[in-house]
Amino acid sequence: MSIDRYIDCLVTIVYMDRHRRITQRDITIKAVRDGYVKAHCLKSKGPRIFAVDNILAYQPVSAKSGRYRA
């Protein structure tokens, strides 16, 4: 399953940054292109770009979780 199927959806990711720090973030995916995810990050409250290779795990956020924001 590819992450690009979740464009315009709220997704929780586990991400390793370039300093090898691992964080969990809720993002709304805007585009997936050339190995990068363009998204709005709820943690940083703004646009972010994530390398697909550094996304260790991802899962769509359901409305039932209470974290979903349309």
N, C-alpha and C. Protein backbone atom coordinates (compact mmCIF):
# COMPACT_ATOMS: atom_id res chain seq x y z
N MET A 1 0.85 -1.18 0.00
CA MET A 1 0.00 0.00 0.00
C MET A 1 0.89 1.24 0.00
N SER A 2 0.56 2.20 -0.81
CA SER A 2 1.37 3.39 -0.96
C SER A 2 0.75 4.58 -0.22
N ILE A 3 1.61 5.42 0.32
CA ILE A 3 1.14 6.57 1.09
C ILE A 3 0.36 7.57 0.23
N ASP A 4 0.58 7.55 -1.10
CA ASP A 4 -0.11 8.52 -1.95
C ASP A 4 -1.61 8.30 -2.04
N ARG A 5 -2.09 7.18 -1.58
CA ARG A 5 -3.55 6.97 -1.56
C ARG A 5 -4.24 7.80 -0.48
N TYR A 6 -3.45 8.45 0.40
CA TYR A 6 -4.00 9.24 1.50
C TYR A 6 -3.90 10.75 1.27
N ILE A 7 -3.80 11.17 0.01
CA ILE A 7 -3.79 12.60 -0.29
C ILE A 7 -5.10 13.22 0.20
N ASP A 8 -4.98 14.37 0.86
CA ASP A 8 -6.10 15.10 1.48
C ASP A 8 -6.67 14.40 2.70
N CYS A 9 -5.92 13.46 3.27
CA CYS A 9 -6.35 12.76 4.49
C CYS A 9 -5.39 13.09 5.63
N LEU A 10 -5.92 12.98 6.85
CA LEU A 10 -5.10 13.12 8.05
C LEU A 10 -4.46 11.78 8.34
N VAL A 11 -3.13 11.78 8.48
CA VAL A 11 -2.36 10.56 8.66
C VAL A 11 -1.38 10.77 9.81
N THR A 12 -1.20 9.76 10.64
CA THR A 12 -0.14 9.78 11.65
C THR A 12 1.08 9.10 11.04
N ILE A 13 2.24 9.77 11.14
CA ILE A 13 3.47 9.17 10.64
C ILE A 13 4.49 9.07 11.78
N VAL A 14 5.36 8.10 11.66
CA VAL A 14 6.57 8.01 12.47
C VAL A 14 7.69 8.34 11.51
N TYR A 15 8.45 9.39 11.84
CA TYR A 15 9.41 9.96 10.89
C TYR A 15 10.79 10.10 11.51
N MET A 16 11.81 9.78 10.74
CA MET A 16 13.19 9.98 11.17
C MET A 16 13.78 11.15 10.37
N ASP A 17 14.17 12.21 11.08
CA ASP A 17 14.71 13.38 10.38
C ASP A 17 16.18 13.18 10.02
N ARG A 18 16.77 14.17 9.40
CA ARG A 18 18.15 14.04 8.91
C ARG A 18 19.17 13.90 10.04
N HIS A 19 18.76 14.24 11.28
CA HIS A 19 19.63 14.07 12.44
C HIS A 19 19.37 12.75 13.16
N ARG A 20 18.55 11.91 12.52
CA ARG A 20 18.19 10.58 13.01
C ARG A 20 17.30 10.62 14.26
N ARG A 21 16.63 11.75 14.47
CA ARG A 21 15.65 11.84 15.56
C ARG A 21 14.33 11.29 15.05
N ILE A 22 13.66 10.53 15.87
CA ILE A 22 12.39 9.93 15.48
C ILE A 22 11.26 10.66 16.19
N THR A 23 10.26 11.09 15.39
CA THR A 23 9.10 11.77 15.94
C THR A 23 7.83 11.17 15.37
N GLN A 24 6.74 11.40 16.08
CA GLN A 24 5.42 11.02 15.57
C GLN A 24 4.67 12.31 15.29
N ARG A 25 4.06 12.39 14.12
CA ARG A 25 3.36 13.60 13.70
C ARG A 25 2.04 13.26 13.03
N ASP A 26 1.07 14.14 13.21
CA ASP A 26 -0.17 14.07 12.44
C ASP A 26 -0.03 15.07 11.30
N ILE A 27 -0.24 14.59 10.08
CA ILE A 27 -0.10 15.45 8.90
C ILE A 27 -1.29 15.26 7.98
N THR A 28 -1.60 16.30 7.22
CA THR A 28 -2.55 16.20 6.12
C THR A 28 -1.73 16.21 4.84
N ILE A 29 -1.78 15.12 4.11
CA ILE A 29 -0.96 14.97 2.91
C ILE A 29 -1.57 15.79 1.77
N LYS A 30 -0.74 16.63 1.16
CA LYS A 30 -1.18 17.46 0.04
C LYS A 30 -0.72 16.90 -1.30
N ALA A 31 0.48 16.30 -1.34
CA ALA A 31 1.01 15.73 -2.59
C ALA A 31 2.13 14.76 -2.25
N VAL A 32 2.32 13.79 -3.15
CA VAL A 32 3.44 12.86 -3.06
C VAL A 32 4.10 12.86 -4.43
N ARG A 33 5.38 13.27 -4.45
CA ARG A 33 6.05 13.41 -5.74
C ARG A 33 7.57 13.29 -5.56
N ASP A 34 8.20 12.56 -6.46
CA ASP A 34 9.66 12.45 -6.52
C ASP A 34 10.28 12.05 -5.18
N GLY A 35 9.61 11.16 -4.45
CA GLY A 35 10.16 10.67 -3.19
C GLY A 35 9.92 11.55 -1.98
N TYR A 36 9.05 12.55 -2.14
CA TYR A 36 8.76 13.46 -1.03
C TYR A 36 7.25 13.61 -0.82
N VAL A 37 6.87 13.81 0.43
CA VAL A 37 5.48 14.07 0.79
C VAL A 37 5.38 15.54 1.18
N LYS A 38 4.52 16.27 0.48
CA LYS A 38 4.21 17.65 0.86
C LYS A 38 2.97 17.58 1.73
N ALA A 39 3.04 18.22 2.90
CA ALA A 39 1.95 18.06 3.85
C ALA A 39 1.82 19.29 4.74
N HIS A 40 0.67 19.37 5.41
CA HIS A 40 0.48 20.33 6.49
C HIS A 40 0.68 19.55 7.78
N CYS A 41 1.63 19.97 8.60
CA CYS A 41 1.96 19.27 9.84
C CYS A 41 1.24 19.94 11.00
N LEU A 42 0.47 19.17 11.75
CA LEU A 42 -0.24 19.73 12.89
C LEU A 42 0.70 20.05 14.04
N LYS A 43 1.81 19.32 14.16
CA LYS A 43 2.78 19.58 15.23
C LYS A 43 3.48 20.92 15.04
N SER A 44 3.96 21.17 13.83
CA SER A 44 4.66 22.44 13.56
C SER A 44 3.70 23.53 13.08
N LYS A 45 2.45 23.17 12.85
CA LYS A 45 1.40 24.11 12.45
C LYS A 45 1.73 24.83 11.15
N GLY A 46 2.25 24.07 10.19
CA GLY A 46 2.57 24.68 8.92
C GLY A 46 2.95 23.65 7.88
N PRO A 47 3.29 24.13 6.68
CA PRO A 47 3.67 23.22 5.60
C PRO A 47 5.02 22.57 5.89
N ARG A 48 5.14 21.31 5.52
CA ARG A 48 6.39 20.57 5.69
C ARG A 48 6.58 19.64 4.51
N ILE A 49 7.82 19.26 4.28
CA ILE A 49 8.15 18.26 3.26
C ILE A 49 8.89 17.12 3.95
N PHE A 50 8.42 15.90 3.73
CA PHE A 50 8.99 14.71 4.35
C PHE A 50 9.51 13.78 3.27
N ALA A 51 10.71 13.24 3.46
CA ALA A 51 11.25 12.24 2.54
C ALA A 51 10.52 10.92 2.77
N VAL A 52 9.98 10.35 1.72
CA VAL A 52 9.24 9.09 1.84
C VAL A 52 10.11 8.01 2.48
N ASP A 53 11.38 7.96 2.12
CA ASP A 53 12.28 6.94 2.67
C ASP A 53 12.47 7.07 4.18
N ASN A 54 12.18 8.24 4.74
CA ASN A 54 12.35 8.45 6.18
C ASN A 54 11.05 8.30 6.96
N ILE A 55 9.96 7.99 6.28
CA ILE A 55 8.70 7.69 6.97
C ILE A 55 8.76 6.22 7.34
N LEU A 56 8.89 5.95 8.64
CA LEU A 56 9.07 4.59 9.13
C LEU A 56 7.75 3.84 9.22
N ALA A 57 6.66 4.58 9.48
CA ALA A 57 5.33 3.97 9.57
C ALA A 57 4.30 5.07 9.34
N TYR A 58 3.13 4.66 8.87
CA TYR A 58 2.04 5.62 8.71
C TYR A 58 0.71 4.91 8.86
N GLN A 59 -0.29 5.68 9.30
CA GLN A 59 -1.63 5.13 9.49
C GLN A 59 -2.63 6.27 9.38
N PRO A 60 -3.70 6.07 8.63
CA PRO A 60 -4.73 7.11 8.55
C PRO A 60 -5.40 7.29 9.91
N VAL A 61 -5.77 8.53 10.21
CA VAL A 61 -6.46 8.84 11.45
C VAL A 61 -7.95 8.76 11.19
N SER A 62 -8.64 7.98 11.97
CA SER A 62 -10.09 7.84 11.78
C SER A 62 -10.83 8.90 12.59
N ALA A 63 -12.04 9.18 12.18
CA ALA A 63 -12.88 10.14 12.90
C ALA A 63 -13.16 9.66 14.32
N LYS A 64 -13.13 8.36 14.54
CA LYS A 64 -13.41 7.79 15.86
C LYS A 64 -12.29 8.06 16.86
N SER A 65 -11.10 8.38 16.39
CA SER A 65 -9.96 8.57 17.29
C SER A 65 -10.06 9.86 18.10
N GLY A 66 -10.88 10.80 17.62
CA GLY A 66 -11.00 12.09 18.30
C GLY A 66 -9.95 13.10 17.86
N ARG A 67 -8.98 12.68 17.03
CA ARG A 67 -7.94 13.58 16.55
C ARG A 67 -8.24 14.08 15.15
N TYR A 68 -9.25 13.55 14.53
CA TYR A 68 -9.56 13.89 13.14
C TYR A 68 -10.07 15.32 13.05
N ARG A 69 -9.49 16.08 12.13
CA ARG A 69 -9.96 17.44 11.86
C ARG A 69 -10.14 17.59 10.37
N ALA A 70 -11.35 17.74 9.93
CA ALA A 70 -11.63 17.84 8.49
C ALA A 70 -11.25 19.19 7.95
